[in-house]
PDB file of N, CA and C in Angstrom:
ATOM      1  N   MET A   1      21.496  29.622 -10.546  1.00  0.00           N
ATOM      2  CA  MET A   1      21.217  28.663 -10.087  1.00  0.00           C
ATOM      3  C   MET A   1      21.987  28.350  -9.224  1.00  0.00           C
ATOM      4  N   GLU A   2      22.405  27.633  -8.087  1.00  0.00           N
ATOM      5  CA  GLU A   2      23.633  27.662  -6.903  1.00  0.00           C
ATOM      6  C   GLU A   2      23.107  26.209  -6.306  1.00  0.00           C
ATOM      7  N   ILE A   3      24.816  25.744  -6.114  1.00  0.00           N
ATOM      8  CA  ILE A   3      24.076  24.639  -5.098  1.00  0.00           C
ATOM      9  C   ILE A   3      24.786  24.637  -4.387  1.00  0.00           C
ATOM     10  N   ILE A   4      24.805  23.430  -2.816  1.00  0.00           N
ATOM     11  CA  ILE A   4      24.909  23.708  -1.924  1.00  0.00           C
ATOM     12  C   ILE A   4      25.190  21.602  -1.310  1.00  0.00           C
ATOM     13  N   HIS A   5      26.067  20.910  -1.057  1.00  0.00           N
ATOM     14  CA  HIS A   5      26.434  19.767  -0.560  1.00  0.00           C
ATOM     15  C   HIS A   5      26.583  20.274   0.804  1.00  0.00           C
ATOM     16  N   LEU A   6      25.173  19.065   1.149  1.00  0.00           N
ATOM     17  CA  LEU A   6      25.000  18.956   3.165  1.00  0.00           C
ATOM     18  C   LEU A   6      25.395  17.187   3.125  1.00  0.00           C
ATOM     19  N   ASN A   7      25.546  16.846   4.538  1.00  0.00           N
ATOM     20  CA  ASN A   7      25.604  15.597   4.619  1.00  0.00           C
ATOM     21  C   ASN A   7      25.296  15.040   6.065  1.00  0.00           C
ATOM     22  N   HIS A   8      25.686  13.940   6.801  1.00  0.00           N
ATOM     23  CA  HIS A   8      25.337  13.444   8.099  1.00  0.00           C
ATOM     24  C   HIS A   8      26.177  14.409   9.007  1.00  0.00           C
ATOM     25  N   LEU A   9      27.208  15.088   8.592  1.00  0.00           N
ATOM     26  CA  LEU A   9      28.357  15.684   9.430  1.00  0.00           C
ATOM     27  C   LEU A   9      28.105  17.275   9.221  1.00  0.00           C
ATOM     28  N   ASN A  10      27.587  17.937   8.217  1.00  0.00           N
ATOM     29  CA  ASN A  10      27.244  19.229   8.204  1.00  0.00           C
ATOM     30  C   ASN A  10      26.070  18.692   7.121  1.00  0.00           C
ATOM     31  N   SER A  11      24.914  18.954   8.416  1.00  0.00           N
ATOM     32  CA  SER A  11      23.537  18.490   7.420  1.00  0.00           C
ATOM     33  C   SER A  11      22.811  20.325   7.523  1.00  0.00           C
ATOM     34  N   ALA A  12      23.260  21.371   7.607  1.00  0.00           N
ATOM     35  CA  ALA A  12      22.747  22.653   7.985  1.00  0.00           C
ATOM     36  C   ALA A  12      23.699  24.086   7.110  1.00  0.00           C
ATOM     37  N   PHE A  13      23.278  24.800   6.151  1.00  0.00           N
ATOM     38  CA  PHE A  13      23.941  26.187   5.661  1.00  0.00           C
ATOM     39  C   PHE A  13      22.971  27.465   6.270  1.00  0.00           C
ATOM     40  N   ARG A  14      22.963  28.121   6.629  1.00  0.00           N
ATOM     41  CA  ARG A  14      22.279  29.417   6.792  1.00  0.00           C
ATOM     42  C   ARG A  14      22.190  30.371   5.907  1.00  0.00           C
ATOM     43  N   ILE A  15      21.928  30.968   5.040  1.00  0.00           N
ATOM     44  CA  ILE A  15      22.202  32.296   4.509  1.00  0.00           C
ATOM     45  C   ILE A  15      21.616  33.592   4.717  1.00  0.00           C
ATOM     46  N   SER A  16      22.535  34.804   4.528  1.00  0.00           N
ATOM     47  CA  SER A  16      22.182  35.698   5.354  1.00  0.00           C
ATOM     48  C   SER A  16      21.562  36.473   4.504  1.00  0.00           C
ATOM     49  N   GLY A  17      20.627  37.762   4.946  1.00  0.00           N
ATOM     50  CA  GLY A  17      19.949  38.662   4.017  1.00  0.00           C
ATOM     51  C   GLY A  17      21.009  39.943   3.894  1.00  0.00           C
ATOM     52  N   SER A  18      20.325  40.361   2.996  1.00  0.00           N
ATOM     53  CA  SER A  18      21.791  41.628   2.231  1.00  0.00           C
ATOM     54  C   SER A  18      20.295  42.465   1.182  1.00  0.00           C
ATOM     55  N   GLU A  19      21.360  43.244   0.571  1.00  0.00           N
ATOM     56  CA  GLU A  19      20.425  44.211  -0.604  1.00  0.00           C
ATOM     57  C   GLU A  19      19.927  43.758  -1.200  1.00  0.00           C
ATOM     58  N   GLU A  20      20.954  42.438  -1.827  1.00  0.00           N
ATOM     59  CA  GLU A  20      20.582  41.800  -2.886  1.00  0.00           C
ATOM     60  C   GLU A  20      19.816  40.394  -2.885  1.00  0.00           C
ATOM     61  N   ARG A  21      19.719  40.340  -1.690  1.00  0.00           N
ATOM     62  CA  ARG A  21      18.805  39.019  -1.512  1.00  0.00           C
ATOM     63  C   ARG A  21      17.955  39.297   0.109  1.00  0.00           C
ATOM     64  N   ARG A  22      16.703  38.692  -0.339  1.00  0.00           N
ATOM     65  CA  ARG A  22      16.167  39.282   0.507  1.00  0.00           C
ATOM     66  C   ARG A  22      14.933  37.618   0.261  1.00  0.00           C
ATOM     67  N   SER A  23      15.299  37.195  -0.803  1.00  0.00           N
ATOM     68  CA  SER A  23      14.373  35.442  -0.977  1.00  0.00           C
ATOM     69  C   SER A  23      15.479  34.116  -1.603  1.00  0.00           C
ATOM     70  N   LEU A  24      14.664  33.006  -1.218  1.00  0.00           N
ATOM     71  CA  LEU A  24      15.684  31.937  -1.330  1.00  0.00           C
ATOM     72  C   LEU A  24      14.754  31.005  -1.552  1.00  0.00           C
ATOM     73  N   LYS A  25      15.001  30.523  -3.135  1.00  0.00           N
ATOM     74  CA  LYS A  25      14.088  29.399  -3.842  1.00  0.00           C
ATOM     75  C   LYS A  25      14.885  28.150  -3.919  1.00  0.00           C
ATOM     76  N   ILE A  26      14.197  27.317  -3.314  1.00  0.00           N
ATOM     77  CA  ILE A  26      14.309  25.659  -3.296  1.00  0.00           C
ATOM     78  C   ILE A  26      14.301  25.054  -3.782  1.00  0.00           C
ATOM     79  N   SER A  27      14.908  24.982  -5.255  1.00  0.00           N
ATOM     80  CA  SER A  27      14.526  23.723  -6.404  1.00  0.00           C
ATOM     81  C   SER A  27      14.194  22.143  -6.580  1.00  0.00           C
ATOM     82  N   SER A  28      15.184  22.241  -6.058  1.00  0.00           N
ATOM     83  CA  SER A  28      15.483  20.362  -5.487  1.00  0.00           C
ATOM     84  C   SER A  28      16.778  19.798  -4.673  1.00  0.00           C
ATOM     85  N   VAL A  29      16.288  18.798  -4.106  1.00  0.00           N
ATOM     86  CA  VAL A  29      17.213  18.389  -3.400  1.00  0.00           C
ATOM     87  C   VAL A  29      17.323  16.448  -4.172  1.00  0.00           C
ATOM     88  N   SER A  30      18.303  16.338  -4.476  1.00  0.00           N
ATOM     89  CA  SER A  30      19.220  14.986  -4.538  1.00  0.00           C
ATOM     90  C   SER A  30      19.848  14.435  -2.799  1.00  0.00           C
ATOM     91  N   VAL A  31      19.108  13.296  -2.948  1.00  0.00           N
ATOM     92  CA  VAL A  31      19.972  12.884  -1.698  1.00  0.00           C
ATOM     93  C   VAL A  31      20.382  10.941  -2.477  1.00  0.00           C
ATOM     94  N   GLU A  32      21.593  11.204  -1.342  1.00  0.00           N
ATOM     95  CA  GLU A  32      22.576   9.415  -1.921  1.00  0.00           C
ATOM     96  C   GLU A  32      22.557   8.795  -0.106  1.00  0.00           C
ATOM     97  N   LYS A  33      22.100   8.027   0.065  1.00  0.00           N
ATOM     98  CA  LYS A  33      21.713   7.783   1.533  1.00  0.00           C
ATOM     99  C   LYS A  33      22.836   5.690   0.691  1.00  0.00           C
ATOM    100  N   GLU A  34      23.982   5.756   2.348  1.00  0.00           N
ATOM    101  CA  GLU A  34      24.168   4.663   2.424  1.00  0.00           C
ATOM    102  C   GLU A  34      23.054   2.717   1.908  1.00  0.00           C
ATOM    103  N   THR A  35      23.519   2.631   1.310  1.00  0.00           N
ATOM    104  CA  THR A  35      23.059   1.484   0.748  1.00  0.00           C
ATOM    105  C   THR A  35      22.386   0.334   1.598  1.00  0.00           C
ATOM    106  N   ASP A  36      22.645   0.422   3.621  1.00  0.00           N
ATOM    107  CA  ASP A  36      21.839  -0.439   3.957  1.00  0.00           C
ATOM    108  C   ASP A  36      21.432   0.525   5.052  1.00  0.00           C
ATOM    109  N   ALA A  37      21.404   1.684   4.827  1.00  0.00           N
ATOM    110  CA  ALA A  37      20.727   3.016   5.966  1.00  0.00           C
ATOM    111  C   ALA A  37      19.248   2.915   5.830  1.00  0.00           C
ATOM    112  N   SER A  38      19.043   3.106   6.592  1.00  0.00           N
ATOM    113  CA  SER A  38      17.332   2.728   6.542  1.00  0.00           C
ATOM    114  C   SER A  38      16.731   4.142   7.237  1.00  0.00           C
ATOM    115  N   ALA A  39      17.168   5.136   6.845  1.00  0.00           N
ATOM    116  CA  ALA A  39      17.621   6.596   7.978  1.00  0.00           C
ATOM    117  C   ALA A  39      15.810   7.121   7.188  1.00  0.00           C
ATOM    118  N   THR A  40      15.267   8.050   7.745  1.00  0.00           N
ATOM    119  CA  THR A  40      14.066   9.107   7.019  1.00  0.00           C
ATOM    120  C   THR A  40      14.841  10.494   6.874  1.00  0.00           C
ATOM    121  N   LEU A  41      14.748  10.868   5.784  1.00  0.00           N
ATOM    122  CA  LEU A  41      15.610  12.252   5.762  1.00  0.00           C
ATOM    123  C   LEU A  41      14.508  13.532   5.377  1.00  0.00           C
ATOM    124  N   LYS A  42      14.689  14.354   6.369  1.00  0.00           N
ATOM    125  CA  LYS A  42      13.606  15.664   6.009  1.00  0.00           C
ATOM    126  C   LYS A  42      14.061  16.946   5.824  1.00  0.00           C
ATOM    127  N   LEU A  43      13.977  18.032   5.014  1.00  0.00           N
ATOM    128  CA  LEU A  43      14.023  19.163   4.591  1.00  0.00           C
ATOM    129  C   LEU A  43      13.699  20.123   5.698  1.00  0.00           C
ATOM    130  N   VAL A  44      13.732  20.979   6.469  1.00  0.00           N
ATOM    131  CA  VAL A  44      13.274  21.515   7.015  1.00  0.00           C
ATOM    132  C   VAL A  44      14.385  23.070   7.500  1.00  0.00           C
ATOM    133  N   VAL A  45      13.842  24.178   6.686  1.00  0.00           N
ATOM    134  CA  VAL A  45      14.095  25.468   6.962  1.00  0.00           C
ATOM    135  C   VAL A  45      13.341  26.281   8.194  1.00  0.00           C
ATOM    136  N   LEU A  46      14.390  26.826   8.550  1.00  0.00           N
ATOM    137  CA  LEU A  46      13.881  27.762   9.678  1.00  0.00           C
ATOM    138  C   LEU A  46      13.957  28.791   9.672  1.00  0.00           C
ATOM    139  N   ASP A  47      13.134  30.330  10.514  1.00  0.00           N
ATOM    140  CA  ASP A  47      13.943  31.477  10.404  1.00  0.00           C
ATOM    141  C   ASP A  47      14.371  32.175  11.310  1.00  0.00           C
ATOM    142  N   GLU A  48      14.498  33.432  11.067  1.00  0.00           N
ATOM    143  CA  GLU A  48      15.169  34.144  12.163  1.00  0.00           C
ATOM    144  C   GLU A  48      15.120  33.255  13.413  1.00  0.00           C
ATOM    145  N   LYS A  49      13.863  33.566  13.827  1.00  0.00           N
ATOM    146  CA  LYS A  49      14.062  32.979  15.182  1.00  0.00           C
ATOM    147  C   LYS A  49      13.915  31.026  15.898  1.00  0.00           C
ATOM    148  N   ASP A  50      14.769  30.389  14.915  1.00  0.00           N
ATOM    149  CA  ASP A  50      14.491  29.138  14.366  1.00  0.00           C
ATOM    150  C   ASP A  50      13.227  28.036  14.430  1.00  0.00           C
ATOM    151  N   VAL A  51      11.890  28.907  13.996  1.00  0.00           N
ATOM    152  CA  VAL A  51      10.858  27.900  14.322  1.00  0.00           C
ATOM    153  C   VAL A  51      10.829  28.068  12.713  1.00  0.00           C
ATOM    154  N   PRO A  52      10.728  26.707  12.578  1.00  0.00           N
ATOM    155  CA  PRO A  52      10.175  25.759  11.722  1.00  0.00           C
ATOM    156  C   PRO A  52       8.939  26.709  10.258  1.00  0.00           C
ATOM    157  N   VAL A  53       9.603  26.746   9.313  1.00  0.00           N
ATOM    158  CA  VAL A  53       8.140  27.544   8.444  1.00  0.00           C
ATOM    159  C   VAL A  53       8.159  26.509   7.265  1.00  0.00           C
ATOM    160  N   PHE A  54       9.121  25.497   6.859  1.00  0.00           N
ATOM    161  CA  PHE A  54       9.150  24.346   6.262  1.00  0.00           C
ATOM    162  C   PHE A  54       9.050  23.412   6.397  1.00  0.00           C
ATOM    163  N   SER A  55       8.526  22.173   6.160  1.00  0.00           N
ATOM    164  CA  SER A  55       9.243  20.713   5.963  1.00  0.00           C
ATOM    165  C   SER A  55       8.691  19.843   5.165  1.00  0.00           C
ATOM    166  N   GLN A  56       9.313  18.798   4.724  1.00  0.00           N
ATOM    167  CA  GLN A  56       8.801  17.507   3.911  1.00  0.00           C
ATOM    168  C   GLN A  56      10.089  17.027   3.649  1.00  0.00           C
ATOM    169  N   GLU A  57       9.448  15.739   3.846  1.00  0.00           N
ATOM    170  CA  GLU A  57      10.010  14.526   3.720  1.00  0.00           C
ATOM    171  C   GLU A  57      10.201  13.914   2.497  1.00  0.00           C
ATOM    172  N   LEU A  58      11.627  13.790   2.546  1.00  0.00           N
ATOM    173  CA  LEU A  58      12.724  13.566   1.089  1.00  0.00           C
ATOM    174  C   LEU A  58      12.683  11.737   1.027  1.00  0.00           C
ATOM    175  N   SER A  59      12.646  11.082   2.106  1.00  0.00           N
ATOM    176  CA  SER A  59      12.736  10.064   1.819  1.00  0.00           C
ATOM    177  C   SER A  59      11.944   8.907   2.480  1.00  0.00           C
ATOM    178  N   ASP A  60      11.123   7.606   2.532  1.00  0.00           N
ATOM    179  CA  ASP A  60      11.537   6.896   3.393  1.00  0.00           C
ATOM    180  C   ASP A  60      11.168   5.704   3.994  1.00  0.00           C
ATOM    181  N   GLY A  61      12.706   6.157   3.800  1.00  0.00           N
ATOM    182  CA  GLY A  61      13.761   5.097   4.975  1.00  0.00           C
ATOM    183  C   GLY A  61      14.360   3.778   3.903  1.00  0.00           C
ATOM    184  N   GLY A  62      13.676   3.356   2.237  1.00  0.00           N
ATOM    185  CA  GLY A  62      13.361   2.660   1.471  1.00  0.00           C
ATOM    186  C   GLY A  62      14.822   3.004   0.128  1.00  0.00           C
ATOM    187  N   GLU A  63      14.678   4.025  -0.164  1.00  0.00           N
ATOM    188  CA  GLU A  63      15.165   4.494  -1.024  1.00  0.00           C
ATOM    189  C   GLU A  63      16.788   4.891  -0.904  1.00  0.00           C
ATOM    190  N   VAL A  64      18.262   4.546  -2.217  1.00  0.00           N
ATOM    191  CA  VAL A  64      19.260   4.714  -1.730  1.00  0.00           C
ATOM    192  C   VAL A  64      19.472   6.119  -2.146  1.00  0.00           C
ATOM    193  N   ASN A  65      19.432   6.234  -3.801  1.00  0.00           N
ATOM    194  CA  ASN A  65      18.596   7.768  -4.854  1.00  0.00           C
ATOM    195  C   ASN A  65      18.026   8.458  -4.922  1.00  0.00           C
ATOM    196  N   SER A  66      17.420   9.583  -4.308  1.00  0.00           N
ATOM    197  CA  SER A  66      16.454   9.898  -5.325  1.00  0.00           C
ATOM    198  C   SER A  66      16.845  11.349  -5.241  1.00  0.00           C
ATOM    199  N   SER A  67      15.581  12.316  -6.300  1.00  0.00           N
ATOM    200  CA  SER A  67      15.627  13.442  -6.689  1.00  0.00           C
ATOM    201  C   SER A  67      14.541  14.041  -6.257  1.00  0.00           C
ATOM    202  N   ILE A  68      13.953  15.208  -5.427  1.00  0.00           N
ATOM    203  CA  ILE A  68      12.816  15.161  -5.418  1.00  0.00           C
ATOM    204  C   ILE A  68      12.637  16.681  -5.165  1.00  0.00           C
ATOM    205  N   ASP A  69      12.012  17.549  -6.306  1.00  0.00           N
ATOM    206  CA  ASP A  69      11.363  18.665  -6.255  1.00  0.00           C
ATOM    207  C   ASP A  69      11.015  19.667  -5.255  1.00  0.00           C
ATOM    208  N   ILE A  70      11.013  20.516  -5.047  1.00  0.00           N
ATOM    209  CA  ILE A  70      10.570  21.152  -4.211  1.00  0.00           C
ATOM    210  C   ILE A  70       9.900  22.381  -4.692  1.00  0.00           C
ATOM    211  N   ASP A  71      10.519  23.217  -5.293  1.00  0.00           N
ATOM    212  CA  ASP A  71       9.935  24.091  -6.040  1.00  0.00           C
ATOM    213  C   ASP A  71       9.435  25.222  -4.659  1.00  0.00           C
ATOM    214  N   GLN A  72      10.106  25.932  -3.944  1.00  0.00           N
ATOM    215  CA  GLN A  72       8.730  26.573  -2.887  1.00  0.00           C
ATOM    216  C   GLN A  72       9.737  28.390  -2.898  1.00  0.00           C
ATOM    217  N   ASP A  73       9.532  28.657  -2.386  1.00  0.00           N
ATOM    218  CA  ASP A  73      10.299  30.646  -2.166  1.00  0.00           C
ATOM    219  C   ASP A  73       9.796  30.675  -0.923  1.00  0.00           C
ATOM    220  N   PHE A  74      11.175  31.595  -0.129  1.00  0.00           N
ATOM    221  CA  PHE A  74      11.025  31.708   1.128  1.00  0.00           C
ATOM    222  C   PHE A  74      11.539  33.299   1.096  1.00  0.00           C
ATOM    223  N   ALA A  75      10.409  34.765   1.085  1.00  0.00           N
ATOM    224  CA  ALA A  75      11.615  35.832   1.933  1.00  0.00           C
ATOM    225  C   ALA A  75      11.752  35.599   3.429  1.00  0.00           C
ATOM    226  N   PHE A  76      12.551  36.954   3.579  1.00  0.00           N
ATOM    227  CA  PHE A  76      13.537  36.705   4.929  1.00  0.00           C
ATOM    228  C   PHE A  76      14.065  37.928   4.735  1.00  0.00           C
ATOM    229  N   TYR A  77      14.218  38.944   6.124  1.00  0.00           N
ATOM    230  CA  TYR A  77      14.978  39.922   6.172  1.00  0.00           C
ATOM    231  C   TYR A  77      16.416  39.364   7.146  1.00  0.00           C
ATOM    232  N   ASP A  78      16.750  39.055   7.690  1.00  0.00           N
ATOM    233  CA  ASP A  78      18.096  38.423   8.788  1.00  0.00           C
ATOM    234  C   ASP A  78      18.643  37.173   7.663  1.00  0.00           C
ATOM    235  N   HIS A  79      17.888  36.105   8.128  1.00  0.00           N
ATOM    236  CA  HIS A  79      18.733  34.996   7.949  1.00  0.00           C
ATOM    237  C   HIS A  79      17.587  33.999   8.004  1.00  0.00           C
ATOM    238  N   LEU A  80      18.449  32.928   6.907  1.00  0.00           N
ATOM    239  CA  LEU A  80      16.886  31.535   7.032  1.00  0.00           C
ATOM    240  C   LEU A  80      18.066  30.177   7.080  1.00  0.00           C
ATOM    241  N   THR A  81      17.755  29.421   7.991  1.00  0.00           N
ATOM    242  CA  THR A  81      18.956  28.212   8.221  1.00  0.00           C
ATOM    243  C   THR A  81      17.755  27.314   7.173  1.00  0.00           C
ATOM    244  N   VAL A  82      18.408  26.314   6.629  1.00  0.00           N
ATOM    245  CA  VAL A  82      17.999  25.406   5.705  1.00  0.00           C
ATOM    246  C   VAL A  82      18.493  23.790   6.651  1.00  0.00           C
ATOM    247  N   ARG A  83      18.153  22.988   7.058  1.00  0.00           N
ATOM    248  CA  ARG A  83      18.527  21.304   7.208  1.00  0.00           C
ATOM    249  C   ARG A  83      17.962  20.599   7.264  1.00  0.00           C
ATOM    250  N   ILE A  84      18.000  19.783   6.656  1.00  0.00           N
ATOM    251  CA  ILE A  84      18.128  17.669   6.654  1.00  0.00           C
ATOM    252  C   ILE A  84      18.522  17.392   8.149  1.00  0.00           C
ATOM    253  N   THR A  85      18.144  16.133   8.347  1.00  0.00           N
ATOM    254  CA  THR A  85      17.762  16.185   9.021  1.00  0.00           C
ATOM    255  C   THR A  85      17.461  14.174   8.647  1.00  0.00           C
ATOM    256  N   ALA A  86      17.433  13.639   9.841  1.00  0.00           N
ATOM    257  CA  ALA A  86      17.809  11.976   9.700  1.00  0.00           C
ATOM    258  C   ALA A  86      17.513  11.448  11.173  1.00  0.00           C
ATOM    259  N   GLU A  87      17.000   9.658  11.060  1.00  0.00           N
ATOM    260  CA  GLU A  87      16.328   9.275  11.724  1.00  0.00           C
ATOM    261  C   GLU A  87      16.440   7.704  11.098  1.00  0.00           C
ATOM    262  N   PRO A  88      16.978   7.525  11.649  1.00  0.00           N
ATOM    263  CA  PRO A  88      17.390   7.877  13.284  1.00  0.00           C
ATOM    264  C   PRO A  88      19.024   9.099  12.891  1.00  0.00           C
ATOM    265  N   LYS A  89      19.110   9.410  13.855  1.00  0.00           N
ATOM    266  CA  LYS A  89      19.995  10.078  14.012  1.00  0.00           C
ATOM    267  C   LYS A  89      21.803   9.785  13.567  1.00  0.00           C
ATOM    268  N   ASN A  90      22.499  10.454  12.438  1.00  0.00           N
ATOM    269  CA  ASN A  90      23.499  10.385  12.661  1.00  0.00           C
ATOM    270  C   ASN A  90      23.581   9.449  11.536  1.00  0.00           C
ATOM    271  N   SER A  91      22.774   9.066  10.955  1.00  0.00           N
ATOM    272  CA  SER A  91      22.436   7.883   9.328  1.00  0.00           C
ATOM    273  C   SER A  91      23.133   8.969   8.626  1.00  0.00           C
ATOM    274  N   PRO A  92      24.014   7.679   8.033  1.00  0.00           N
ATOM    275  CA  PRO A  92      24.498   8.541   6.723  1.00  0.00           C
ATOM    276  C   PRO A  92      24.158   8.727   5.561  1.00  0.00           C
ATOM    277  N   PHE A  93      24.165  10.539   4.715  1.00  0.00           N
ATOM    278  CA  PHE A  93      23.756  10.234   3.768  1.00  0.00           C
ATOM    279  C   PHE A  93      24.644  11.553   2.724  1.00  0.00           C
ATOM    280  N   ASN A  94      24.037  11.684   1.552  1.00  0.00           N
ATOM    281  CA  ASN A  94      25.070  12.756   0.960  1.00  0.00           C
ATOM    282  C   ASN A  94      23.346  14.019   0.359  1.00  0.00           C
ATOM    283  N   ALA A  95      23.395  15.352   0.389  1.00  0.00           N
ATOM    284  CA  ALA A  95      22.256  15.502  -0.243  1.00  0.00           C
ATOM    285  C   ALA A  95      22.883  16.660  -0.886  1.00  0.00           C
ATOM    286  N   THR A  96      22.602  17.119  -2.346  1.00  0.00           N
ATOM    287  CA  THR A  96      23.159  18.368  -3.201  1.00  0.00           C
ATOM    288  C   THR A  96      21.876  18.776  -3.465  1.00  0.00           C
ATOM    289  N   LEU A  97      22.089  20.124  -2.859  1.00  0.00           N
ATOM    290  CA  LEU A  97      20.446  21.697  -2.577  1.00  0.00           C
ATOM    291  C   LEU A  97      20.749  22.195  -3.719  1.00  0.00           C
ATOM    292  N   ASN A  98      19.977  22.920  -4.811  1.00  0.00           N
ATOM    293  CA  ASN A  98      19.325  23.504  -5.704  1.00  0.00           C
ATOM    294  C   ASN A  98      18.826  24.421  -5.070  1.00  0.00           C
ATOM    295  N   PHE A  99      19.551  25.891  -5.422  1.00  0.00           N
ATOM    296  CA  PHE A  99      18.301  26.930  -5.035  1.00  0.00           C
ATOM    297  C   PHE A  99      18.879  27.816  -5.613  1.00  0.00           C
ATOM    298  N   LYS A 100      18.324  29.393  -5.416  1.00  0.00           N
ATOM    299  CA  LYS A 100      18.603  30.679  -6.623  1.00  0.00           C
ATOM    300  C   LYS A 100      18.023  31.856  -5.372  1.00  0.00           C
TER     301      LYS A 100
END
């Protein structure tokens, strides 16, 4: 299992395909927001053409700390981009994404 830390300043990562890696399984996301933040967070997975292929809300604006099971597999050839978006934009958050 691998992990990556994302936040409001660095909210996305791109994973490239290789002979060894042609799929990505996102297991879970742990989110921590500022105590006064009312942001709604969303996990979005984009394909090679930046078309959203998966989207899931991670918070409803009320919880400060939460852990969300995702358990989704994605197959790709060139690359995938995984992004966490916040509404309103630039709302502070920290997230840990577990994948393999």
